[in-house]
N, C-alpha and C. Protein backbone atom coordinates (compact mmCIF):
# COMPACT_ATOMS: atom_id res chain seq x y z
N UNK A 1 -46.97 16.47 29.14
CA UNK A 1 -47.79 16.71 28.31
C UNK A 1 -46.95 17.88 27.32
N UNK A 2 -47.44 17.81 26.17
CA UNK A 2 -47.15 18.71 25.39
C UNK A 2 -48.45 19.03 24.33
N UNK A 3 -48.46 20.00 23.54
CA UNK A 3 -49.22 20.34 22.81
C UNK A 3 -50.04 19.47 22.26
N UNK A 4 -49.60 18.42 20.86
CA UNK A 4 -50.89 18.12 20.19
C UNK A 4 -50.56 16.66 20.66
N UNK A 5 -49.98 16.24 21.80
CA UNK A 5 -50.13 14.71 21.87
C UNK A 5 -49.56 14.10 21.22
N UNK A 6 -48.75 14.01 20.17
CA UNK A 6 -48.17 12.63 18.82
C UNK A 6 -47.37 12.45 19.07
N UNK A 7 -46.43 13.81 19.89
CA UNK A 7 -44.70 13.48 19.46
C UNK A 7 -43.80 13.11 20.79
N UNK A 8 -43.98 14.20 21.36
CA UNK A 8 -42.96 14.93 22.59
C UNK A 8 -43.80 13.33 23.76
N UNK A 9 -44.99 14.14 24.44
CA UNK A 9 -45.82 13.50 25.48
C UNK A 9 -46.20 11.93 25.27
N UNK A 10 -45.84 11.40 24.34
CA UNK A 10 -46.41 10.10 24.01
C UNK A 10 -45.57 9.32 24.00
N UNK A 11 -44.29 9.63 23.44
CA UNK A 11 -42.87 9.05 23.64
C UNK A 11 -42.43 8.93 24.75
N UNK A 12 -42.25 10.19 25.86
CA UNK A 12 -41.73 10.34 27.15
C UNK A 12 -42.75 9.51 28.15
N UNK A 13 -43.92 9.40 27.77
CA UNK A 13 -44.91 8.04 28.31
C UNK A 13 -44.42 7.42 28.45
N UNK A 14 -44.50 6.46 27.39
CA UNK A 14 -44.48 5.29 27.34
C UNK A 14 -42.75 4.58 28.06
N UNK A 15 -42.39 5.40 27.09
CA UNK A 15 -40.66 5.59 28.31
C UNK A 15 -40.74 5.73 30.27
N UNK A 16 -41.00 6.55 30.13
CA UNK A 16 -41.21 6.82 32.05
C UNK A 16 -42.20 5.41 32.45
N UNK A 17 -42.98 5.04 31.80
CA UNK A 17 -43.91 4.13 32.16
C UNK A 17 -43.34 2.11 31.84
N UNK A 18 -42.33 2.39 31.17
CA UNK A 18 -41.44 1.55 30.87
C UNK A 18 -40.27 1.50 32.29
N UNK A 19 -39.83 2.68 32.18
CA UNK A 19 -38.97 2.68 33.56
C UNK A 19 -39.24 2.51 34.66
N UNK A 20 -40.35 2.66 35.02
CA UNK A 20 -41.33 3.09 36.29
C UNK A 20 -41.99 1.61 36.59
N UNK A 21 -42.27 0.72 35.92
CA UNK A 21 -43.24 -0.28 35.86
C UNK A 21 -42.95 -0.96 37.15
N UNK A 22 -41.67 -1.19 37.90
CA UNK A 22 -41.85 -2.27 38.73
C UNK A 22 -42.21 -1.37 40.27
N UNK A 23 -42.65 0.03 39.77
CA UNK A 23 -42.91 0.90 41.20
C UNK A 23 -44.90 0.99 41.07
N UNK A 24 -44.81 0.65 40.17
CA UNK A 24 -46.65 0.07 40.51
C UNK A 24 -47.07 2.05 39.92
N UNK A 25 -46.75 2.84 39.00
CA UNK A 25 -46.92 4.06 39.02
C UNK A 25 -47.70 4.41 37.93
N UNK A 26 -49.16 4.86 38.01
CA UNK A 26 -49.50 5.44 36.50
C UNK A 26 -49.16 6.22 35.59
N UNK A 27 -48.78 6.46 34.69
CA UNK A 27 -48.11 7.42 33.97
C UNK A 27 -49.05 7.28 32.33
N UNK A 28 -49.52 8.72 32.52
CA UNK A 28 -49.93 9.00 30.57
C UNK A 28 -49.72 10.15 30.60
N UNK A 29 -50.32 10.54 29.93
CA UNK A 29 -50.28 12.03 28.72
C UNK A 29 -51.18 12.17 28.57
N UNK A 30 -51.44 13.41 27.79
CA UNK A 30 -52.51 14.44 26.76
C UNK A 30 -52.05 15.72 26.34
N UNK A 31 -52.68 16.42 25.40
CA UNK A 31 -52.50 17.81 24.98
C UNK A 31 -52.76 18.86 25.13
N UNK A 32 -52.32 19.76 25.11
CA UNK A 32 -52.97 21.40 25.65
C UNK A 32 -53.93 21.44 24.60
N UNK A 33 -53.84 21.48 23.62
CA UNK A 33 -54.09 21.10 22.06
C UNK A 33 -54.21 20.12 21.36
N UNK A 34 -54.91 18.87 21.97
CA UNK A 34 -54.37 17.25 21.54
C UNK A 34 -55.24 17.30 19.92
N UNK A 35 -54.71 16.75 19.66
CA UNK A 35 -54.87 16.20 17.78
C UNK A 35 -55.86 14.54 18.33
N UNK A 36 -56.78 14.95 19.20
CA UNK A 36 -57.14 13.95 19.70
C UNK A 36 -58.17 12.75 18.82
N UNK A 37 -57.39 11.51 19.45
CA UNK A 37 -58.05 10.90 18.18
C UNK A 37 -56.83 9.76 17.56
N UNK A 38 -55.50 10.84 17.11
CA UNK A 38 -54.59 10.41 16.13
C UNK A 38 -53.69 9.49 17.01
N UNK A 39 -52.68 8.88 16.43
CA UNK A 39 -51.78 7.59 16.46
C UNK A 39 -50.65 8.68 17.03
N UNK A 40 -49.61 8.12 17.70
CA UNK A 40 -48.06 8.35 18.16
C UNK A 40 -47.78 8.83 16.87
N UNK A 41 -46.88 9.74 16.44
CA UNK A 41 -46.40 10.19 15.24
C UNK A 41 -44.92 8.79 15.00
N UNK A 42 -45.36 8.67 13.65
CA UNK A 42 -44.52 7.15 13.17
C UNK A 42 -42.46 7.36 13.85
N UNK A 43 -42.23 8.44 13.77
CA UNK A 43 -40.81 8.94 14.20
C UNK A 43 -40.57 8.55 15.84
N UNK A 44 -41.54 8.95 16.45
CA UNK A 44 -41.60 8.75 17.45
C UNK A 44 -42.00 7.21 18.19
N UNK A 45 -42.40 6.57 17.22
CA UNK A 45 -42.85 5.63 17.63
C UNK A 45 -41.92 4.22 17.34
N UNK A 46 -40.72 5.01 16.40
CA UNK A 46 -39.43 4.42 15.60
C UNK A 46 -39.10 4.24 16.57
N UNK A 47 -38.41 5.49 17.66
CA UNK A 47 -37.50 5.28 18.69
C UNK A 47 -37.89 4.74 19.44
N UNK A 48 -38.79 4.51 20.23
CA UNK A 48 -39.76 3.90 21.25
C UNK A 48 -38.77 1.89 20.22
N UNK A 49 -39.60 1.92 19.61
CA UNK A 49 -38.80 0.38 19.56
C UNK A 49 -37.88 0.09 19.31
N UNK A 50 -36.67 1.37 18.78
CA UNK A 50 -35.27 1.44 19.05
C UNK A 50 -34.70 1.55 20.52
N UNK A 51 -35.36 2.14 21.32
CA UNK A 51 -34.95 1.32 22.97
C UNK A 51 -35.53 0.40 23.58
N UNK A 52 -36.65 -0.16 22.55
CA UNK A 52 -36.97 -1.79 23.62
C UNK A 52 -38.56 -1.38 23.96
N UNK A 53 -39.16 -0.38 23.52
CA UNK A 53 -40.58 -0.36 23.46
C UNK A 53 -41.30 -0.11 23.05
N UNK A 54 -42.47 -1.34 22.77
CA UNK A 54 -43.33 -0.93 21.88
C UNK A 54 -44.58 -0.09 22.44
N UNK A 55 -44.97 0.79 21.41
CA UNK A 55 -45.62 2.03 21.21
C UNK A 55 -46.97 1.63 21.87
N UNK A 56 -47.68 0.37 21.39
CA UNK A 56 -48.75 -0.05 21.31
C UNK A 56 -49.55 0.78 20.40
N UNK A 57 -51.27 0.85 21.10
CA UNK A 57 -52.18 1.22 20.30
C UNK A 57 -52.17 2.65 21.17
N UNK A 58 -51.93 3.66 20.67
CA UNK A 58 -51.97 5.14 21.52
C UNK A 58 -52.40 6.06 20.90
N UNK A 59 -53.33 6.69 21.26
CA UNK A 59 -54.35 7.51 21.03
C UNK A 59 -54.44 8.76 21.15
N UNK A 60 -54.31 9.88 20.64
CA UNK A 60 -54.03 11.28 21.52
C UNK A 60 -55.29 11.57 21.92
N UNK A 61 -54.66 12.36 22.98
CA UNK A 61 -56.33 12.66 24.11
C UNK A 61 -55.89 14.50 24.24
N UNK A 62 -57.28 15.06 24.71
CA UNK A 62 -57.31 16.37 24.94
C UNK A 62 -57.22 16.53 26.35
N UNK A 63 -56.03 17.17 27.33
CA UNK A 63 -56.01 17.83 28.72
C UNK A 63 -57.36 18.00 29.38
N UNK A 64 -57.79 17.50 30.00
CA UNK A 64 -59.06 18.23 31.17
C UNK A 64 -58.44 18.93 32.32
N UNK A 65 -59.68 19.47 32.85
CA UNK A 65 -59.04 19.96 34.21
C UNK A 65 -59.59 18.44 35.61
N UNK A 66 -60.15 17.67 34.63
CA UNK A 66 -60.13 16.45 35.68
C UNK A 66 -58.84 15.78 35.57
N UNK A 67 -58.62 15.38 34.41
CA UNK A 67 -56.92 14.83 34.67
C UNK A 67 -56.05 15.16 35.44
N UNK A 68 -56.17 16.61 35.29
CA UNK A 68 -55.47 17.34 36.95
C UNK A 68 -55.39 17.35 37.97
N UNK A 69 -57.06 17.22 38.45
CA UNK A 69 -57.39 17.25 39.64
C UNK A 69 -56.66 15.83 40.06
N UNK A 70 -56.35 14.49 39.22
CA UNK A 70 -56.48 13.63 39.59
C UNK A 70 -54.38 12.94 39.51
N UNK A 71 -54.06 14.17 38.92
CA UNK A 71 -52.56 13.76 38.70
C UNK A 71 -52.05 14.13 40.50
N UNK A 72 -51.02 13.87 40.47
CA UNK A 72 -49.82 13.90 41.89
C UNK A 72 -48.55 14.61 41.37
N UNK A 73 -48.22 14.88 39.98
CA UNK A 73 -47.36 15.31 39.56
C UNK A 73 -47.52 15.53 37.89
N UNK A 74 -47.49 16.75 37.27
CA UNK A 74 -47.48 17.23 35.70
C UNK A 74 -46.18 17.65 35.43
N UNK A 75 -45.85 16.84 34.34
CA UNK A 75 -44.38 16.86 33.77
C UNK A 75 -44.92 17.69 32.00
N UNK A 76 -44.21 18.64 32.15
CA UNK A 76 -44.26 19.00 30.61
C UNK A 76 -43.39 18.97 29.69
N UNK A 77 -43.06 19.37 28.34
CA UNK A 77 -41.88 19.26 27.28
C UNK A 77 -41.35 20.96 27.62
N UNK A 78 -42.49 21.89 27.98
CA UNK A 78 -42.17 23.17 27.79
C UNK A 78 -42.33 23.96 29.01
N UNK A 79 -41.74 25.06 29.71
CA UNK A 79 -42.53 26.10 30.14
C UNK A 79 -43.52 26.73 29.85
N UNK A 80 -43.95 26.85 28.64
CA UNK A 80 -44.98 27.44 27.82
C UNK A 80 -46.28 26.21 28.43
N UNK A 81 -46.00 25.12 27.79
CA UNK A 81 -47.59 24.25 28.02
C UNK A 81 -47.42 23.68 29.56
N UNK A 82 -46.77 24.30 30.25
CA UNK A 82 -46.55 24.18 31.83
C UNK A 82 -48.01 25.51 32.36
N UNK A 83 -47.35 26.66 31.87
CA UNK A 83 -48.41 28.06 32.00
C UNK A 83 -49.69 27.42 31.32
N UNK A 84 -49.71 27.19 30.05
CA UNK A 84 -50.87 26.21 30.17
C UNK A 84 -51.52 25.68 30.65
N UNK A 85 -50.89 24.86 30.97
CA UNK A 85 -51.69 23.75 32.55
C UNK A 85 -51.98 24.42 33.36
N UNK A 86 -50.99 25.12 34.01
CA UNK A 86 -51.67 26.05 35.09
C UNK A 86 -53.09 26.77 34.68
N UNK A 87 -53.01 27.80 33.53
CA UNK A 87 -54.12 28.32 33.42
C UNK A 87 -55.46 27.59 33.44
N UNK A 88 -55.36 26.29 32.66
CA UNK A 88 -56.49 25.14 32.80
C UNK A 88 -56.81 24.97 34.21
N UNK A 89 -55.82 24.67 35.40
CA UNK A 89 -56.03 24.78 36.66
C UNK A 89 -55.20 25.13 37.69
N UNK A 90 -55.44 26.29 38.32
CA UNK A 90 -54.67 27.27 38.57
C UNK A 90 -53.81 26.21 39.97
N UNK A 91 -54.99 25.42 40.46
CA UNK A 91 -54.14 24.32 41.81
C UNK A 91 -53.22 23.61 41.26
N UNK A 92 -52.69 23.56 40.14
CA UNK A 92 -51.47 23.05 39.48
C UNK A 92 -50.58 22.78 39.39
N UNK A 93 -50.50 24.30 39.81
CA UNK A 93 -49.19 25.01 39.96
C UNK A 93 -48.02 24.47 40.79
N UNK A 94 -48.33 23.46 42.29
CA UNK A 94 -47.55 23.24 42.96
C UNK A 94 -47.00 21.97 42.13
N UNK A 95 -47.43 21.29 41.41
CA UNK A 95 -47.49 19.68 41.09
C UNK A 95 -47.11 19.89 39.92
N UNK A 96 -46.92 20.79 39.02
CA UNK A 96 -46.63 21.09 37.49
C UNK A 96 -45.02 21.26 36.81
N UNK A 97 -44.31 20.68 36.56
CA UNK A 97 -43.32 21.54 36.17
C UNK A 97 -42.80 20.88 34.73
N UNK A 98 -41.57 21.60 34.00
CA UNK A 98 -41.28 21.42 32.53
C UNK A 98 -40.25 20.18 33.10
N UNK A 99 -40.09 19.30 32.22
CA UNK A 99 -39.30 17.96 32.31
C UNK A 99 -37.76 17.99 32.89
N UNK A 100 -37.48 19.00 31.93
CA UNK A 100 -36.11 19.43 32.25
C UNK A 100 -36.04 20.19 33.84
N UNK A 101 -36.84 20.77 33.77
CA UNK A 101 -36.81 21.33 35.31
C UNK A 101 -37.12 20.56 36.47
N UNK A 102 -37.67 19.49 36.27
CA UNK A 102 -37.78 18.83 37.16
C UNK A 102 -36.62 17.82 37.36
N UNK A 103 -36.22 17.49 36.00
CA UNK A 103 -35.01 16.57 36.38
C UNK A 103 -33.59 17.66 37.13
N UNK A 104 -33.56 18.70 37.20
CA UNK A 104 -32.61 19.65 37.65
C UNK A 104 -33.11 19.71 38.92
N UNK A 105 -34.39 19.73 39.40
CA UNK A 105 -34.57 19.79 41.10
C UNK A 105 -34.47 18.33 41.37
N UNK A 106 -34.92 17.42 41.14
CA UNK A 106 -34.18 15.91 41.78
C UNK A 106 -33.34 16.02 41.87
N UNK A 107 -32.35 16.52 40.66
CA UNK A 107 -31.16 16.09 40.76
C UNK A 107 -30.29 17.05 41.72
N UNK A 108 -31.01 18.14 42.34
CA UNK A 108 -30.33 19.50 43.28
C UNK A 108 -31.25 18.79 44.97
N UNK A 109 -32.18 17.97 44.70
CA UNK A 109 -32.62 17.63 46.19
C UNK A 109 -32.15 16.72 47.32
N UNK A 110 -32.68 17.02 48.37
CA UNK A 110 -32.18 15.73 49.41
C UNK A 110 -33.42 14.80 49.49
N UNK A 111 -33.41 13.79 48.43
CA UNK A 111 -34.48 13.36 48.09
C UNK A 111 -34.79 12.12 49.58
N UNK A 112 -33.29 12.10 50.57
CA UNK A 112 -33.31 10.94 51.61
C UNK A 112 -34.70 10.94 52.03
N UNK A 113 -34.96 12.18 52.89
CA UNK A 113 -35.70 12.31 54.02
C UNK A 113 -36.97 12.79 53.80
N UNK A 114 -38.18 12.29 54.43
CA UNK A 114 -39.50 12.85 53.91
C UNK A 114 -38.73 15.00 54.52
N UNK A 115 -39.92 15.67 53.52
CA UNK A 115 -40.09 16.89 54.18
C UNK A 115 -40.87 17.67 55.12
N UNK A 116 -40.73 18.39 56.01
CA UNK A 116 -42.23 19.21 56.79
C UNK A 116 -43.25 19.43 56.11
N UNK A 117 -43.27 20.41 54.64
CA UNK A 117 -43.90 20.19 54.44
C UNK A 117 -45.19 18.75 53.44
N UNK A 118 -43.89 18.02 53.24
CA UNK A 118 -44.80 16.73 52.88
C UNK A 118 -45.63 16.32 53.10
N UNK A 119 -46.92 16.31 52.69
CA UNK A 119 -47.83 15.40 53.58
C UNK A 119 -48.20 14.50 54.11
N UNK A 120 -48.49 13.50 54.95
CA UNK A 120 -48.78 12.27 55.52
C UNK A 120 -49.31 11.57 54.63
N UNK A 121 -50.62 12.08 54.19
CA UNK A 121 -51.41 11.14 53.00
C UNK A 121 -50.59 11.49 51.84
N UNK A 122 -49.94 11.87 51.83
CA UNK A 122 -49.31 12.32 49.94
C UNK A 122 -49.00 10.74 49.70
N UNK A 123 -49.47 10.51 48.45
CA UNK A 123 -49.04 9.34 47.34
C UNK A 123 -47.17 9.16 47.24
N UNK A 124 -47.00 8.57 46.66
CA UNK A 124 -45.78 8.02 46.31
C UNK A 124 -45.08 8.80 45.66
N UNK A 125 -46.07 9.65 44.63
CA UNK A 125 -45.26 10.33 43.34
C UNK A 125 -45.37 11.44 44.00
N UNK A 126 -46.71 11.74 44.85
CA UNK A 126 -46.64 13.17 45.57
C UNK A 126 -45.57 13.53 46.57
N UNK A 127 -45.05 12.40 47.17
CA UNK A 127 -43.71 12.71 47.89
C UNK A 127 -42.32 12.83 47.13
N UNK A 128 -42.53 12.36 46.09
CA UNK A 128 -41.40 12.52 45.06
C UNK A 128 -41.66 14.04 44.77
N UNK A 129 -42.41 14.38 44.32
CA UNK A 129 -43.05 16.24 43.95
C UNK A 129 -42.44 16.90 45.57
N UNK A 130 -42.97 16.63 46.06
CA UNK A 130 -42.80 17.60 47.57
C UNK A 130 -41.45 17.48 47.90
N UNK A 131 -40.27 16.38 47.61
CA UNK A 131 -39.21 16.20 47.87
C UNK A 131 -38.54 17.12 46.53
N UNK A 132 -38.80 16.88 45.63
CA UNK A 132 -38.19 17.88 44.65
C UNK A 132 -38.08 19.34 45.06
N UNK A 133 -38.95 19.54 44.99
CA UNK A 133 -38.69 21.20 45.38
C UNK A 133 -37.97 21.54 46.30
N UNK A 134 -37.41 21.00 47.04
CA UNK A 134 -36.38 21.22 48.39
C UNK A 134 -35.31 21.76 47.51
N UNK A 135 -35.02 21.33 46.59
CA UNK A 135 -34.12 21.48 45.41
C UNK A 135 -34.10 22.86 44.88
N UNK A 136 -35.00 23.34 45.22
CA UNK A 136 -34.91 24.76 44.34
C UNK A 136 -33.93 25.87 44.78
N UNK A 137 -33.78 25.67 45.91
CA UNK A 137 -32.83 27.06 46.14
C UNK A 137 -31.68 26.24 46.28
N UNK A 138 -31.29 25.28 45.42
CA UNK A 138 -29.67 24.32 45.08
C UNK A 138 -29.42 24.83 43.77
N UNK A 139 -30.59 24.93 42.87
CA UNK A 139 -30.40 24.38 41.20
C UNK A 139 -30.59 25.85 40.78
N UNK A 140 -29.91 26.04 39.95
CA UNK A 140 -30.05 27.74 38.95
C UNK A 140 -31.13 27.15 38.02
N UNK A 141 -31.16 27.82 37.57
CA UNK A 141 -32.62 27.57 36.57
C UNK A 141 -32.31 28.10 35.35
N UNK A 142 -32.75 27.32 34.47
CA UNK A 142 -31.74 27.25 33.11
C UNK A 142 -32.78 28.52 32.24
N UNK A 143 -32.13 28.94 31.30
CA UNK A 143 -32.65 29.89 30.23
C UNK A 143 -33.86 29.11 29.70
N UNK A 144 -34.73 29.62 29.61
CA UNK A 144 -36.31 28.68 28.79
C UNK A 144 -35.89 28.09 27.77
N UNK A 145 -35.56 28.71 26.86
CA UNK A 145 -34.92 27.48 26.02
C UNK A 145 -34.46 26.63 25.68
N UNK A 146 -33.34 26.30 26.85
CA UNK A 146 -32.86 25.00 27.43
C UNK A 146 -33.68 24.24 28.25
N UNK A 147 -34.48 24.42 28.33
CA UNK A 147 -35.34 23.49 29.35
C UNK A 147 -36.64 23.32 28.89
N UNK A 148 -36.44 23.52 27.19
CA UNK A 148 -37.99 22.96 26.38
C UNK A 148 -36.85 21.94 25.21
N UNK A 149 -37.84 20.53 25.80
CA UNK A 149 -37.88 19.26 24.89
C UNK A 149 -38.37 20.11 23.25
N UNK A 150 -37.79 19.64 22.46
CA UNK A 150 -37.48 20.04 20.91
C UNK A 150 -38.97 19.06 20.57
N UNK A 151 -39.52 19.62 19.72
CA UNK A 151 -40.82 19.95 18.99
C UNK A 151 -40.91 19.09 17.71
N UNK A 152 -40.68 18.20 17.49
CA UNK A 152 -40.53 17.75 16.14
C UNK A 152 -41.49 17.50 15.00
N UNK A 153 -43.00 17.65 15.89
CA UNK A 153 -43.89 17.64 15.37
C UNK A 153 -43.94 18.25 13.54
N UNK A 154 -43.88 17.47 12.37
CA UNK A 154 -44.54 17.82 11.47
C UNK A 154 -42.75 18.36 10.58
N UNK A 155 -41.32 17.92 11.13
CA UNK A 155 -40.42 18.30 10.96
C UNK A 155 -39.58 16.51 10.92
N UNK A 156 -38.32 16.50 10.26
CA UNK A 156 -37.86 15.47 10.16
C UNK A 156 -36.78 14.72 11.23
N UNK A 157 -36.24 13.39 11.08
CA UNK A 157 -35.74 12.57 12.08
C UNK A 157 -34.80 13.30 12.89
N UNK A 158 -34.01 14.50 12.00
CA UNK A 158 -33.42 15.20 13.10
C UNK A 158 -33.64 15.68 14.19
N UNK A 159 -35.04 16.47 14.26
CA UNK A 159 -35.71 16.59 15.06
C UNK A 159 -35.44 15.88 16.14
N UNK A 160 -37.10 14.70 15.63
CA UNK A 160 -36.84 13.49 16.55
C UNK A 160 -35.56 13.16 17.69
N UNK A 161 -34.24 13.09 16.62
CA UNK A 161 -33.19 12.68 17.81
C UNK A 161 -33.01 13.53 18.35
N UNK A 162 -33.29 14.20 17.93
CA UNK A 162 -32.85 15.75 19.13
C UNK A 162 -33.77 15.68 20.43
N UNK A 163 -34.85 15.63 20.25
CA UNK A 163 -35.52 15.19 21.00
C UNK A 163 -35.48 14.18 22.15
N UNK A 164 -34.80 12.59 21.10
CA UNK A 164 -34.84 11.62 22.04
C UNK A 164 -33.87 11.68 22.89
N UNK A 165 -32.84 12.83 22.94
CA UNK A 165 -31.38 12.88 22.81
C UNK A 165 -31.62 13.62 24.61
N UNK A 166 -32.48 14.75 24.22
CA UNK A 166 -32.81 15.35 25.32
C UNK A 166 -33.64 14.80 26.59
N UNK A 167 -34.18 13.89 26.36
CA UNK A 167 -35.12 13.11 27.11
C UNK A 167 -34.16 11.69 27.30
N UNK A 168 -33.49 11.33 26.80
CA UNK A 168 -32.45 10.16 26.90
C UNK A 168 -31.36 10.88 28.25
N UNK A 169 -31.10 12.02 27.99
CA UNK A 169 -30.48 13.10 29.24
C UNK A 169 -30.90 13.17 30.28
N UNK A 170 -32.33 13.66 30.60
CA UNK A 170 -32.95 13.67 31.60
C UNK A 170 -33.95 12.81 32.50
N UNK A 171 -34.56 11.81 32.16
CA UNK A 171 -34.88 10.56 32.20
C UNK A 171 -34.34 9.50 33.47
N UNK A 172 -33.11 9.46 33.02
CA UNK A 172 -32.31 8.60 34.18
C UNK A 172 -32.64 9.27 35.31
N UNK A 173 -32.08 10.57 35.65
CA UNK A 173 -32.36 11.39 36.81
C UNK A 173 -33.75 11.36 37.48
N UNK A 174 -34.70 11.34 36.71
CA UNK A 174 -35.78 11.28 37.27
C UNK A 174 -35.84 9.80 37.62
N UNK A 175 -35.75 8.81 37.22
CA UNK A 175 -36.50 7.54 37.46
C UNK A 175 -35.57 7.26 38.79
N UNK A 176 -34.63 7.34 38.74
CA UNK A 176 -33.24 7.01 40.04
C UNK A 176 -33.72 7.52 40.92
N UNK A 177 -34.45 9.06 40.77
CA UNK A 177 -34.96 9.95 42.19
C UNK A 177 -36.52 8.99 42.43
N UNK A 178 -37.20 8.76 41.15
CA UNK A 178 -38.23 7.88 41.86
C UNK A 178 -38.26 6.94 42.71
N UNK A 179 -37.10 6.21 42.13
CA UNK A 179 -37.11 4.41 42.89
C UNK A 179 -36.97 5.10 43.83
N UNK A 180 -35.68 5.91 44.42
CA UNK A 180 -34.91 6.19 45.50
C UNK A 180 -36.22 6.79 46.78
N UNK A 181 -37.38 8.00 46.19
CA UNK A 181 -38.14 7.94 47.08
C UNK A 181 -39.38 7.19 47.12
N UNK A 182 -39.58 6.44 46.10
CA UNK A 182 -40.64 6.16 45.82
C UNK A 182 -40.59 4.27 47.17
N UNK A 183 -39.33 4.12 46.78
CA UNK A 183 -38.87 2.86 47.74
C UNK A 183 -38.60 3.35 49.24
N UNK A 184 -37.87 4.25 49.38
CA UNK A 184 -38.41 4.70 50.87
C UNK A 184 -39.68 4.86 51.30
N UNK A 185 -40.62 5.67 50.45
CA UNK A 185 -41.49 5.92 51.19
C UNK A 185 -42.37 4.75 51.77
N UNK A 186 -42.10 3.68 50.77
CA UNK A 186 -42.70 2.34 51.08
C UNK A 186 -41.94 2.11 52.57
N UNK A 187 -40.99 2.05 52.55
CA UNK A 187 -39.90 1.40 53.57
C UNK A 187 -40.56 2.64 55.07
N UNK A 188 -40.74 3.35 55.12
CA UNK A 188 -41.56 4.62 56.19
C UNK A 188 -42.98 3.95 56.13
N UNK A 189 -43.73 3.68 55.00
CA UNK A 189 -45.14 3.44 55.19
C UNK A 189 -44.79 2.12 56.16
N UNK A 190 -44.10 0.86 56.46
CA UNK A 190 -44.08 -0.26 56.73
C UNK A 190 -43.65 -0.42 57.99
N UNK A 191 -42.73 0.61 58.18
CA UNK A 191 -42.75 1.09 59.89
C UNK A 191 -43.62 0.43 61.30
C-alpha cells in the first residue's frame, strides 16, 4: 500500500507477484488516497521492464476496509501509511507492517516451525505473518525515516532509482522467507 497507488505499491505488487508466482499467492495493491483509475507512473513501469516484468494494464484503486478484511498480510511503503491502514480497519494492526520493517522481522525470526499463537486454520501467508512477528524481540527497530520507501511521485528518475534500490534490498528477504514458510506450511499440511 502507498498513498496514490501509482508509483511504489504497483511497482512492489508486480515485483512481488512475479517472485512468488510459484507459490500461488495473491498479491494486490491499493492506495490510502488513491489516484483511482490512473495507470502506473511511467518511471515505475520502466523499472519493472528493466527487471524483466511487464507492468500490464495496472489501474490504481482506493483501499477499502473490505479489502483489509480479506487480507492475510498488508505491507505498506511507510509507517505513516501503516497508521492510515489501521485507522481504516483497526483489526488490521495484527497483520499490517511497513515493508522494510517486515523484511527486518523475517530476517530476525525463527521461521522454521509453527508458532504457538499461529492459528491452525491460518492461510499460508497468514502463517508467514505470524512467524515473522516472532522476530520482534530480536530486531532493533529502525528510525521511521529509515523504514520508509522513497515516494517518487512527481519527481525525477533519481527518486525512482532510490525506490527501486530500497525495494531490491528488502524483497529477497521477504521472498526467501515466503518460500521457506509457505513450503513448510504445505509440508506440515500434508503430514
